[in-house]
Amino acid sequence: MPALRHAVLTTACLLTAASLQAQAPSSLVGSRVRVTTLTAAPGTRTTGMLTMVAGDSLRIERDAAAGPITFASSDVTSLEQYAGSRGHAGTGALVGMTLGAVAGVAGMVAFCQNFALLSQPDCSRSDAIESGALGGITGAAVGSLLGALVGVAVRTDKWEPVNVSPTLTGSAPGIAISWKF
């Protein structure tokens, strides 16, 4: 049993170490990155093209007018690589469906009650419920379609965190694993 436990523990450690393997920051040179540092205001990020990585610093080219900016490695709290952009069709459809359903129910119930005042005095409670249900279903369908179209048009950047060594991220905690055979 101890041998089996040792084998399982060793396998788990190897798999964990393989999945946590750090991407070398120098391989990101030429990539669009986003840097968060200790010295900037909280939540402030600098975005640009990574042009240089040295043992104690990295340089970002923001744009031609702003010029490059160099960060000390000890000040870098996070480094993220640009991973494309994405739309928000699902979120837009959900918001549109909700708003459309509410508007459809309210509009059809109001229409039923106003229509009853003008021509048919017998708009009963069941007629109002049926009208509201029809309006809700129709409003949800139309709203989800319009919301999805708006969501596709609204694009945001995707960023993936880059696992870097503690020499680049300053005093980041870490785990060292070693084996002797």
N, C-alpha and C. Protein backbone atom coordinates (compact mmCIF):
# COMPACT_ATOMS: atom_id res chain seq x y z
N MET A 1 0.81 -1.20 0.00
CA MET A 1 0.00 0.00 0.00
C MET A 1 0.86 1.26 0.00
N PRO A 2 1.95 1.36 0.80
CA PRO A 2 2.79 2.56 0.74
C PRO A 2 3.40 2.78 -0.63
N ALA A 3 3.73 1.70 -1.35
CA ALA A 3 4.30 1.85 -2.68
C ALA A 3 3.27 2.43 -3.65
N LEU A 4 2.03 1.98 -3.53
CA LEU A 4 0.97 2.50 -4.38
C LEU A 4 0.72 3.99 -4.08
N ARG A 5 0.70 4.33 -2.80
CA ARG A 5 0.51 5.72 -2.40
C ARG A 5 1.65 6.59 -2.93
N HIS A 6 2.87 6.08 -2.84
CA HIS A 6 4.03 6.81 -3.34
C HIS A 6 3.94 7.01 -4.85
N ALA A 7 3.50 5.97 -5.58
CA ALA A 7 3.37 6.06 -7.03
C ALA A 7 2.29 7.07 -7.42
N VAL A 8 1.17 7.05 -6.71
CA VAL A 8 0.09 8.00 -7.00
C VAL A 8 0.53 9.43 -6.71
N LEU A 9 1.21 9.62 -5.59
CA LEU A 9 1.70 10.95 -5.22
C LEU A 9 2.72 11.46 -6.23
N THR A 10 3.62 10.61 -6.66
CA THR A 10 4.63 11.00 -7.64
C THR A 10 3.97 11.37 -8.97
N THR A 11 3.01 10.57 -9.41
CA THR A 11 2.31 10.85 -10.66
C THR A 11 1.56 12.17 -10.56
N ALA A 12 0.89 12.40 -9.45
CA ALA A 12 0.15 13.66 -9.26
C ALA A 12 1.10 14.85 -9.29
N CYS A 13 2.23 14.74 -8.66
CA CYS A 13 3.21 15.83 -8.66
C CYS A 13 3.75 16.09 -10.06
N LEU A 14 4.02 15.03 -10.80
CA LEU A 14 4.53 15.21 -12.16
C LEU A 14 3.49 15.88 -13.06
N LEU A 15 2.24 15.45 -12.95
CA LEU A 15 1.19 16.05 -13.76
C LEU A 15 0.96 17.51 -13.39
N THR A 16 1.00 17.82 -12.11
CA THR A 16 0.83 19.20 -11.65
C THR A 16 1.98 20.06 -12.12
N ALA A 17 3.19 19.55 -12.02
CA ALA A 17 4.35 20.32 -12.46
C ALA A 17 4.30 20.56 -13.96
N ALA A 18 3.85 19.57 -14.72
CA ALA A 18 3.76 19.74 -16.17
C ALA A 18 2.70 20.78 -16.53
N SER A 19 1.58 20.79 -15.82
CA SER A 19 0.53 21.76 -16.14
C SER A 19 0.89 23.17 -15.69
N LEU A 20 1.77 23.30 -14.73
CA LEU A 20 2.16 24.61 -14.23
C LEU A 20 3.45 25.11 -14.84
N GLN A 21 3.92 24.43 -15.89
CA GLN A 21 5.17 24.83 -16.51
C GLN A 21 5.06 26.27 -17.00
N ALA A 22 6.01 27.09 -16.65
CA ALA A 22 5.95 28.51 -16.97
C ALA A 22 6.31 28.76 -18.43
N GLN A 23 5.62 29.71 -19.03
CA GLN A 23 5.95 30.13 -20.38
C GLN A 23 7.07 31.14 -20.26
N ALA A 24 8.10 30.95 -21.01
CA ALA A 24 9.23 31.86 -20.93
C ALA A 24 8.82 33.23 -21.46
N PRO A 25 8.98 34.29 -20.67
CA PRO A 25 8.58 35.62 -21.12
C PRO A 25 9.30 36.04 -22.40
N SER A 26 10.53 35.56 -22.62
CA SER A 26 11.25 35.95 -23.83
C SER A 26 10.56 35.42 -25.08
N SER A 27 9.79 34.34 -24.96
CA SER A 27 9.06 33.83 -26.12
C SER A 27 7.88 34.72 -26.48
N LEU A 28 7.53 35.65 -25.62
CA LEU A 28 6.42 36.57 -25.88
C LEU A 28 6.85 37.83 -26.59
N VAL A 29 8.16 38.01 -26.82
CA VAL A 29 8.64 39.21 -27.49
C VAL A 29 7.97 39.31 -28.85
N GLY A 30 7.38 40.47 -29.11
CA GLY A 30 6.63 40.68 -30.34
C GLY A 30 5.14 40.48 -30.17
N SER A 31 4.71 40.00 -29.00
CA SER A 31 3.29 39.76 -28.73
C SER A 31 2.67 40.98 -28.05
N ARG A 32 1.36 41.11 -28.22
CA ARG A 32 0.62 42.15 -27.49
C ARG A 32 0.39 41.63 -26.08
N VAL A 33 0.79 42.41 -25.09
CA VAL A 33 0.67 42.00 -23.69
C VAL A 33 0.05 43.11 -22.87
N ARG A 34 -0.38 42.74 -21.67
CA ARG A 34 -0.92 43.69 -20.70
C ARG A 34 -0.19 43.44 -19.40
N VAL A 35 0.37 44.50 -18.82
CA VAL A 35 1.19 44.41 -17.62
C VAL A 35 0.53 45.18 -16.48
N THR A 36 0.48 44.56 -15.31
CA THR A 36 0.04 45.24 -14.10
C THR A 36 1.25 45.29 -13.17
N THR A 37 1.49 46.47 -12.58
CA THR A 37 2.66 46.63 -11.72
C THR A 37 2.27 47.14 -10.34
N LEU A 38 3.21 47.03 -9.42
CA LEU A 38 3.02 47.53 -8.06
C LEU A 38 3.04 49.05 -8.01
N THR A 39 3.83 49.68 -8.88
CA THR A 39 4.02 51.13 -8.79
C THR A 39 2.88 51.92 -9.41
N ALA A 40 2.12 51.32 -10.31
CA ALA A 40 0.99 52.04 -10.93
C ALA A 40 -0.18 52.09 -9.94
N ALA A 41 -1.14 52.95 -10.24
CA ALA A 41 -2.35 53.03 -9.41
C ALA A 41 -3.05 51.67 -9.45
N PRO A 42 -3.72 51.29 -8.36
CA PRO A 42 -4.40 49.99 -8.34
C PRO A 42 -5.36 49.81 -9.52
N GLY A 43 -5.24 48.67 -10.18
CA GLY A 43 -6.09 48.37 -11.31
C GLY A 43 -5.62 48.95 -12.63
N THR A 44 -4.54 49.71 -12.62
CA THR A 44 -4.02 50.30 -13.84
C THR A 44 -3.16 49.28 -14.58
N ARG A 45 -3.46 49.12 -15.86
CA ARG A 45 -2.71 48.18 -16.68
C ARG A 45 -2.12 48.91 -17.87
N THR A 46 -0.96 48.46 -18.30
CA THR A 46 -0.31 49.02 -19.48
C THR A 46 -0.35 47.97 -20.57
N THR A 47 -0.84 48.37 -21.74
CA THR A 47 -0.97 47.45 -22.86
C THR A 47 -0.09 47.91 -24.01
N GLY A 48 0.57 46.96 -24.64
CA GLY A 48 1.40 47.28 -25.80
C GLY A 48 2.13 46.06 -26.29
N MET A 49 3.07 46.28 -27.19
CA MET A 49 3.87 45.21 -27.77
C MET A 49 5.11 45.00 -26.90
N LEU A 50 5.31 43.76 -26.48
CA LEU A 50 6.50 43.43 -25.68
C LEU A 50 7.70 43.42 -26.62
N THR A 51 8.67 44.31 -26.36
CA THR A 51 9.82 44.43 -27.25
C THR A 51 11.11 43.90 -26.67
N MET A 52 11.20 43.77 -25.31
CA MET A 52 12.43 43.30 -24.72
C MET A 52 12.16 42.70 -23.35
N VAL A 53 12.82 41.58 -23.08
CA VAL A 53 12.78 40.96 -21.76
C VAL A 53 14.21 40.71 -21.34
N ALA A 54 14.58 41.29 -20.21
CA ALA A 54 15.90 41.05 -19.63
C ALA A 54 15.66 40.41 -18.27
N GLY A 55 16.73 40.02 -17.59
CA GLY A 55 16.59 39.37 -16.30
C GLY A 55 15.89 40.22 -15.26
N ASP A 56 16.06 41.55 -15.35
CA ASP A 56 15.50 42.42 -14.32
C ASP A 56 14.49 43.43 -14.85
N SER A 57 14.13 43.35 -16.13
CA SER A 57 13.17 44.32 -16.67
C SER A 57 12.51 43.80 -17.94
N LEU A 58 11.44 44.50 -18.34
CA LEU A 58 10.81 44.25 -19.62
C LEU A 58 10.35 45.57 -20.19
N ARG A 59 10.30 45.65 -21.52
CA ARG A 59 9.96 46.90 -22.19
C ARG A 59 8.72 46.68 -23.06
N ILE A 60 7.79 47.63 -22.96
CA ILE A 60 6.55 47.62 -23.72
C ILE A 60 6.54 48.83 -24.65
N GLU A 61 6.23 48.60 -25.92
CA GLU A 61 6.05 49.68 -26.89
C GLU A 61 4.55 49.93 -26.98
N ARG A 62 4.09 51.05 -26.38
CA ARG A 62 2.65 51.34 -26.36
C ARG A 62 2.15 51.79 -27.72
N ASP A 63 2.67 52.86 -28.25
CA ASP A 63 2.41 53.31 -29.61
C ASP A 63 3.51 54.27 -29.99
N ALA A 64 3.53 54.68 -31.23
CA ALA A 64 4.64 55.52 -31.70
C ALA A 64 4.70 56.85 -30.96
N ALA A 65 3.56 57.43 -30.64
CA ALA A 65 3.53 58.74 -29.98
C ALA A 65 3.95 58.65 -28.52
N ALA A 66 3.54 57.57 -27.83
CA ALA A 66 3.84 57.45 -26.40
C ALA A 66 5.25 56.94 -26.14
N GLY A 67 5.79 56.18 -27.06
CA GLY A 67 7.13 55.64 -26.88
C GLY A 67 7.14 54.44 -25.94
N PRO A 68 8.31 53.81 -25.81
CA PRO A 68 8.40 52.61 -24.97
C PRO A 68 8.41 52.94 -23.49
N ILE A 69 8.02 51.97 -22.70
CA ILE A 69 8.08 52.10 -21.25
C ILE A 69 8.72 50.83 -20.71
N THR A 70 9.63 51.00 -19.75
CA THR A 70 10.35 49.86 -19.18
C THR A 70 9.88 49.65 -17.76
N PHE A 71 9.63 48.38 -17.41
CA PHE A 71 9.20 48.00 -16.07
C PHE A 71 10.27 47.17 -15.40
N ALA A 72 10.52 47.42 -14.13
CA ALA A 72 11.41 46.56 -13.35
C ALA A 72 10.68 45.25 -13.07
N SER A 73 11.37 44.14 -13.18
CA SER A 73 10.75 42.83 -12.96
C SER A 73 10.13 42.73 -11.58
N SER A 74 10.76 43.33 -10.59
CA SER A 74 10.25 43.24 -9.23
C SER A 74 8.92 43.98 -9.05
N ASP A 75 8.58 44.91 -9.97
CA ASP A 75 7.33 45.66 -9.88
C ASP A 75 6.17 44.98 -10.60
N VAL A 76 6.44 43.99 -11.44
CA VAL A 76 5.40 43.35 -12.24
C VAL A 76 4.60 42.38 -11.37
N THR A 77 3.29 42.63 -11.28
CA THR A 77 2.42 41.73 -10.50
C THR A 77 1.70 40.74 -11.39
N SER A 78 1.41 41.11 -12.64
CA SER A 78 0.81 40.14 -13.56
C SER A 78 1.17 40.51 -14.99
N LEU A 79 1.21 39.48 -15.83
CA LEU A 79 1.50 39.63 -17.24
C LEU A 79 0.48 38.79 -17.99
N GLU A 80 -0.21 39.41 -18.96
CA GLU A 80 -1.23 38.71 -19.72
C GLU A 80 -0.95 38.87 -21.21
N GLN A 81 -1.25 37.82 -21.98
CA GLN A 81 -1.05 37.85 -23.42
C GLN A 81 -2.40 37.99 -24.12
N TYR A 82 -2.45 38.80 -25.17
CA TYR A 82 -3.67 39.00 -25.95
C TYR A 82 -4.04 37.68 -26.62
N ALA A 83 -5.33 37.31 -26.50
CA ALA A 83 -5.81 36.05 -27.06
C ALA A 83 -6.98 36.26 -28.01
N GLY A 84 -7.04 37.41 -28.66
CA GLY A 84 -8.12 37.69 -29.60
C GLY A 84 -9.25 38.45 -28.95
N SER A 85 -10.34 38.56 -29.70
CA SER A 85 -11.52 39.24 -29.17
C SER A 85 -12.69 38.29 -29.23
N ARG A 86 -13.72 38.63 -28.49
CA ARG A 86 -14.90 37.77 -28.47
C ARG A 86 -16.14 38.63 -28.44
N GLY A 87 -17.23 38.06 -28.99
CA GLY A 87 -18.52 38.72 -28.96
C GLY A 87 -19.32 38.26 -27.75
N HIS A 88 -20.46 38.84 -27.57
CA HIS A 88 -21.30 38.54 -26.41
C HIS A 88 -22.72 38.19 -26.85
N ALA A 89 -22.84 37.31 -27.83
CA ALA A 89 -24.15 36.95 -28.37
C ALA A 89 -25.03 36.29 -27.31
N GLY A 90 -24.49 35.40 -26.50
CA GLY A 90 -25.28 34.72 -25.48
C GLY A 90 -25.82 35.67 -24.43
N THR A 91 -24.96 36.55 -23.94
CA THR A 91 -25.39 37.53 -22.95
C THR A 91 -26.42 38.47 -23.55
N GLY A 92 -26.17 38.92 -24.79
CA GLY A 92 -27.12 39.81 -25.45
C GLY A 92 -28.47 39.15 -25.66
N ALA A 93 -28.46 37.87 -26.03
CA ALA A 93 -29.73 37.15 -26.23
C ALA A 93 -30.49 37.01 -24.92
N LEU A 94 -29.79 36.73 -23.85
CA LEU A 94 -30.44 36.58 -22.54
C LEU A 94 -31.05 37.91 -22.07
N VAL A 95 -30.29 38.98 -22.18
CA VAL A 95 -30.80 40.29 -21.79
C VAL A 95 -31.97 40.70 -22.68
N GLY A 96 -31.82 40.50 -24.00
CA GLY A 96 -32.89 40.84 -24.93
C GLY A 96 -34.15 40.03 -24.68
N MET A 97 -33.98 38.74 -24.38
CA MET A 97 -35.14 37.88 -24.10
C MET A 97 -35.88 38.37 -22.86
N THR A 98 -35.14 38.70 -21.82
CA THR A 98 -35.77 39.17 -20.59
C THR A 98 -36.51 40.48 -20.81
N LEU A 99 -35.83 41.44 -21.41
CA LEU A 99 -36.48 42.74 -21.65
C LEU A 99 -37.65 42.62 -22.62
N GLY A 100 -37.49 41.79 -23.66
CA GLY A 100 -38.57 41.59 -24.62
C GLY A 100 -39.78 40.94 -24.00
N ALA A 101 -39.56 39.95 -23.13
CA ALA A 101 -40.68 39.28 -22.47
C ALA A 101 -41.43 40.24 -21.56
N VAL A 102 -40.70 41.02 -20.78
CA VAL A 102 -41.35 41.98 -19.87
C VAL A 102 -42.13 43.02 -20.68
N ALA A 103 -41.52 43.55 -21.71
CA ALA A 103 -42.19 44.55 -22.54
C ALA A 103 -43.40 43.95 -23.27
N GLY A 104 -43.26 42.72 -23.74
CA GLY A 104 -44.37 42.06 -24.43
C GLY A 104 -45.55 41.82 -23.53
N VAL A 105 -45.31 41.33 -22.32
CA VAL A 105 -46.40 41.10 -21.36
C VAL A 105 -47.09 42.42 -21.03
N ALA A 106 -46.29 43.41 -20.67
CA ALA A 106 -46.87 44.71 -20.29
C ALA A 106 -47.64 45.34 -21.45
N GLY A 107 -47.07 45.27 -22.64
CA GLY A 107 -47.72 45.88 -23.79
C GLY A 107 -49.03 45.19 -24.16
N MET A 108 -49.02 43.88 -24.15
CA MET A 108 -50.24 43.16 -24.54
C MET A 108 -51.34 43.27 -23.49
N VAL A 109 -50.99 43.26 -22.22
CA VAL A 109 -52.00 43.43 -21.17
C VAL A 109 -52.60 44.83 -21.27
N ALA A 110 -51.76 45.83 -21.48
CA ALA A 110 -52.25 47.20 -21.63
C ALA A 110 -53.13 47.32 -22.87
N PHE A 111 -52.71 46.68 -23.96
CA PHE A 111 -53.51 46.72 -25.19
C PHE A 111 -54.87 46.07 -24.97
N CYS A 112 -54.89 44.92 -24.29
CA CYS A 112 -56.15 44.23 -24.04
C CYS A 112 -57.08 45.11 -23.20
N GLN A 113 -56.54 45.74 -22.18
CA GLN A 113 -57.38 46.58 -21.32
C GLN A 113 -57.85 47.82 -22.06
N ASN A 114 -56.99 48.46 -22.86
CA ASN A 114 -57.40 49.64 -23.62
C ASN A 114 -58.37 49.27 -24.73
N PHE A 115 -58.16 48.13 -25.38
CA PHE A 115 -59.05 47.66 -26.42
C PHE A 115 -60.43 47.38 -25.85
N ALA A 116 -60.47 46.85 -24.64
CA ALA A 116 -61.75 46.56 -23.99
C ALA A 116 -62.51 47.85 -23.69
N LEU A 117 -61.82 48.90 -23.35
CA LEU A 117 -62.49 50.17 -23.07
C LEU A 117 -63.06 50.80 -24.34
N LEU A 118 -62.40 50.58 -25.47
CA LEU A 118 -62.83 51.22 -26.71
C LEU A 118 -63.96 50.47 -27.42
N SER A 119 -63.82 49.16 -27.56
CA SER A 119 -64.81 48.47 -28.38
C SER A 119 -65.45 47.26 -27.72
N GLN A 120 -64.69 46.51 -26.95
CA GLN A 120 -65.25 45.31 -26.34
C GLN A 120 -65.21 45.44 -24.83
N PRO A 121 -66.34 45.55 -24.21
CA PRO A 121 -66.35 45.73 -22.76
C PRO A 121 -66.05 44.43 -22.00
N ASP A 122 -65.83 43.33 -22.71
CA ASP A 122 -65.65 42.07 -21.99
C ASP A 122 -64.22 41.53 -22.07
N CYS A 123 -63.20 42.35 -21.84
CA CYS A 123 -61.81 41.87 -21.74
C CYS A 123 -61.65 41.31 -20.34
N SER A 124 -61.83 40.02 -20.23
CA SER A 124 -61.81 39.39 -18.91
C SER A 124 -60.37 39.17 -18.45
N ARG A 125 -60.28 38.69 -17.24
CA ARG A 125 -58.97 38.39 -16.66
C ARG A 125 -58.26 37.32 -17.49
N SER A 126 -58.99 36.32 -17.95
CA SER A 126 -58.38 35.26 -18.76
C SER A 126 -57.92 35.81 -20.11
N ASP A 127 -58.65 36.76 -20.69
CA ASP A 127 -58.19 37.39 -21.93
C ASP A 127 -56.89 38.15 -21.71
N ALA A 128 -56.80 38.87 -20.58
CA ALA A 128 -55.58 39.61 -20.26
C ALA A 128 -54.40 38.66 -20.05
N ILE A 129 -54.64 37.53 -19.41
CA ILE A 129 -53.57 36.54 -19.18
C ILE A 129 -53.12 35.95 -20.51
N GLU A 130 -54.07 35.59 -21.37
CA GLU A 130 -53.71 35.05 -22.69
C GLU A 130 -52.94 36.07 -23.52
N SER A 131 -53.40 37.31 -23.49
CA SER A 131 -52.70 38.37 -24.23
C SER A 131 -51.29 38.58 -23.68
N GLY A 132 -51.19 38.57 -22.37
CA GLY A 132 -49.87 38.73 -21.74
C GLY A 132 -48.93 37.60 -22.09
N ALA A 133 -49.44 36.35 -22.09
CA ALA A 133 -48.61 35.20 -22.43
C ALA A 133 -48.14 35.29 -23.88
N LEU A 134 -49.05 35.63 -24.78
CA LEU A 134 -48.69 35.78 -26.19
C LEU A 134 -47.66 36.89 -26.36
N GLY A 135 -47.89 38.00 -25.70
CA GLY A 135 -46.93 39.11 -25.78
C GLY A 135 -45.58 38.75 -25.19
N GLY A 136 -45.59 38.00 -24.09
CA GLY A 136 -44.33 37.58 -23.46
C GLY A 136 -43.52 36.66 -24.35
N ILE A 137 -44.19 35.70 -24.97
CA ILE A 137 -43.49 34.76 -25.85
C ILE A 137 -42.96 35.47 -27.09
N THR A 138 -43.80 36.31 -27.70
CA THR A 138 -43.37 37.04 -28.88
C THR A 138 -42.24 38.02 -28.54
N GLY A 139 -42.40 38.74 -27.44
CA GLY A 139 -41.37 39.69 -27.02
C GLY A 139 -40.06 39.01 -26.68
N ALA A 140 -40.13 37.83 -26.05
CA ALA A 140 -38.91 37.10 -25.72
C ALA A 140 -38.19 36.65 -26.99
N ALA A 141 -38.93 36.16 -27.98
CA ALA A 141 -38.31 35.70 -29.23
C ALA A 141 -37.65 36.85 -29.98
N VAL A 142 -38.40 37.93 -30.14
CA VAL A 142 -37.86 39.09 -30.87
C VAL A 142 -36.71 39.71 -30.08
N GLY A 143 -36.88 39.84 -28.76
CA GLY A 143 -35.83 40.43 -27.93
C GLY A 143 -34.56 39.62 -27.93
N SER A 144 -34.67 38.29 -27.90
CA SER A 144 -33.45 37.47 -27.90
C SER A 144 -32.72 37.57 -29.22
N LEU A 145 -33.46 37.65 -30.32
CA LEU A 145 -32.81 37.81 -31.62
C LEU A 145 -32.10 39.16 -31.71
N LEU A 146 -32.77 40.22 -31.33
CA LEU A 146 -32.14 41.55 -31.37
C LEU A 146 -30.97 41.63 -30.39
N GLY A 147 -31.14 41.06 -29.20
CA GLY A 147 -30.06 41.07 -28.22
C GLY A 147 -28.84 40.30 -28.69
N ALA A 148 -29.06 39.17 -29.36
CA ALA A 148 -27.94 38.39 -29.90
C ALA A 148 -27.20 39.18 -30.98
N LEU A 149 -27.94 39.88 -31.82
CA LEU A 149 -27.31 40.69 -32.86
C LEU A 149 -26.46 41.81 -32.25
N VAL A 150 -27.00 42.46 -31.23
CA VAL A 150 -26.23 43.50 -30.54
C VAL A 150 -25.01 42.88 -29.86
N GLY A 151 -25.19 41.72 -29.23
CA GLY A 151 -24.09 41.06 -28.54
C GLY A 151 -22.97 40.64 -29.47
N VAL A 152 -23.30 40.23 -30.69
CA VAL A 152 -22.28 39.87 -31.66
C VAL A 152 -21.46 41.10 -32.05
N ALA A 153 -22.13 42.24 -32.14
CA ALA A 153 -21.45 43.48 -32.54
C ALA A 153 -20.56 44.03 -31.43
N VAL A 154 -20.88 43.76 -30.17
CA VAL A 154 -20.09 44.26 -29.06
C VAL A 154 -18.94 43.27 -28.82
N ARG A 155 -17.72 43.70 -29.09
CA ARG A 155 -16.55 42.83 -28.97
C ARG A 155 -15.65 43.35 -27.85
N THR A 156 -15.07 42.42 -27.10
CA THR A 156 -14.11 42.77 -26.07
C THR A 156 -12.87 41.90 -26.23
N ASP A 157 -11.76 42.39 -25.73
CA ASP A 157 -10.50 41.65 -25.81
C ASP A 157 -10.48 40.50 -24.82
N LYS A 158 -9.85 39.40 -25.23
CA LYS A 158 -9.61 38.28 -24.33
C LYS A 158 -8.14 38.30 -23.97
N TRP A 159 -7.85 38.08 -22.69
CA TRP A 159 -6.47 38.06 -22.20
C TRP A 159 -6.25 36.77 -21.45
N GLU A 160 -5.11 36.15 -21.68
CA GLU A 160 -4.74 34.93 -20.97
C GLU A 160 -3.55 35.23 -20.08
N PRO A 161 -3.64 34.85 -18.80
CA PRO A 161 -2.50 35.09 -17.92
C PRO A 161 -1.30 34.25 -18.37
N VAL A 162 -0.14 34.84 -18.22
CA VAL A 162 1.11 34.15 -18.55
C VAL A 162 1.77 33.76 -17.25
N ASN A 163 2.01 32.47 -17.08
CA ASN A 163 2.73 32.00 -15.90
C ASN A 163 4.20 32.27 -16.12
N VAL A 164 4.75 33.11 -15.28
CA VAL A 164 6.16 33.47 -15.43
C VAL A 164 6.90 33.10 -14.17
N SER A 165 8.20 33.07 -14.29
CA SER A 165 9.03 32.68 -13.14
C SER A 165 9.03 33.76 -12.09
N PRO A 166 9.35 33.41 -10.84
CA PRO A 166 9.38 34.41 -9.77
C PRO A 166 10.39 35.52 -10.01
N THR A 167 11.40 35.30 -10.88
CA THR A 167 12.35 36.38 -11.15
C THR A 167 11.69 37.51 -11.90
N LEU A 168 10.63 37.21 -12.67
CA LEU A 168 9.93 38.27 -13.38
C LEU A 168 8.82 38.87 -12.54
N THR A 169 8.20 38.09 -11.68
CA THR A 169 7.07 38.60 -10.92
C THR A 169 7.45 39.03 -9.51
N GLY A 170 8.69 39.25 -9.26
CA GLY A 170 9.10 39.74 -7.94
C GLY A 170 8.99 38.68 -6.88
N SER A 171 8.24 38.97 -5.83
CA SER A 171 8.17 38.08 -4.67
C SER A 171 6.98 37.14 -4.73
N ALA A 172 6.67 36.61 -5.90
CA ALA A 172 5.53 35.70 -6.02
C ALA A 172 5.85 34.38 -5.34
N PRO A 173 4.89 33.82 -4.59
CA PRO A 173 5.13 32.54 -3.94
C PRO A 173 5.21 31.43 -4.97
N GLY A 174 5.90 30.36 -4.66
CA GLY A 174 6.03 29.25 -5.59
C GLY A 174 6.36 27.96 -4.86
N ILE A 175 6.40 26.89 -5.60
CA ILE A 175 6.72 25.57 -5.06
C ILE A 175 7.86 24.99 -5.87
N ALA A 176 8.83 24.46 -5.21
CA ALA A 176 9.92 23.77 -5.89
C ALA A 176 9.83 22.29 -5.59
N ILE A 177 9.98 21.47 -6.64
CA ILE A 177 9.90 20.02 -6.48
C ILE A 177 11.20 19.45 -7.05
N SER A 178 11.82 18.57 -6.33
CA SER A 178 13.02 17.91 -6.84
C SER A 178 12.98 16.43 -6.51
N TRP A 179 13.58 15.65 -7.40
CA TRP A 179 13.67 14.20 -7.21
C TRP A 179 15.12 13.77 -7.29
N LYS A 180 15.47 12.78 -6.49
CA LYS A 180 16.79 12.18 -6.54
C LYS A 180 16.63 10.70 -6.81
N PHE A 181 17.37 10.19 -7.75
CA PHE A 181 17.30 8.77 -8.07
C PHE A 181 18.61 8.11 -7.81
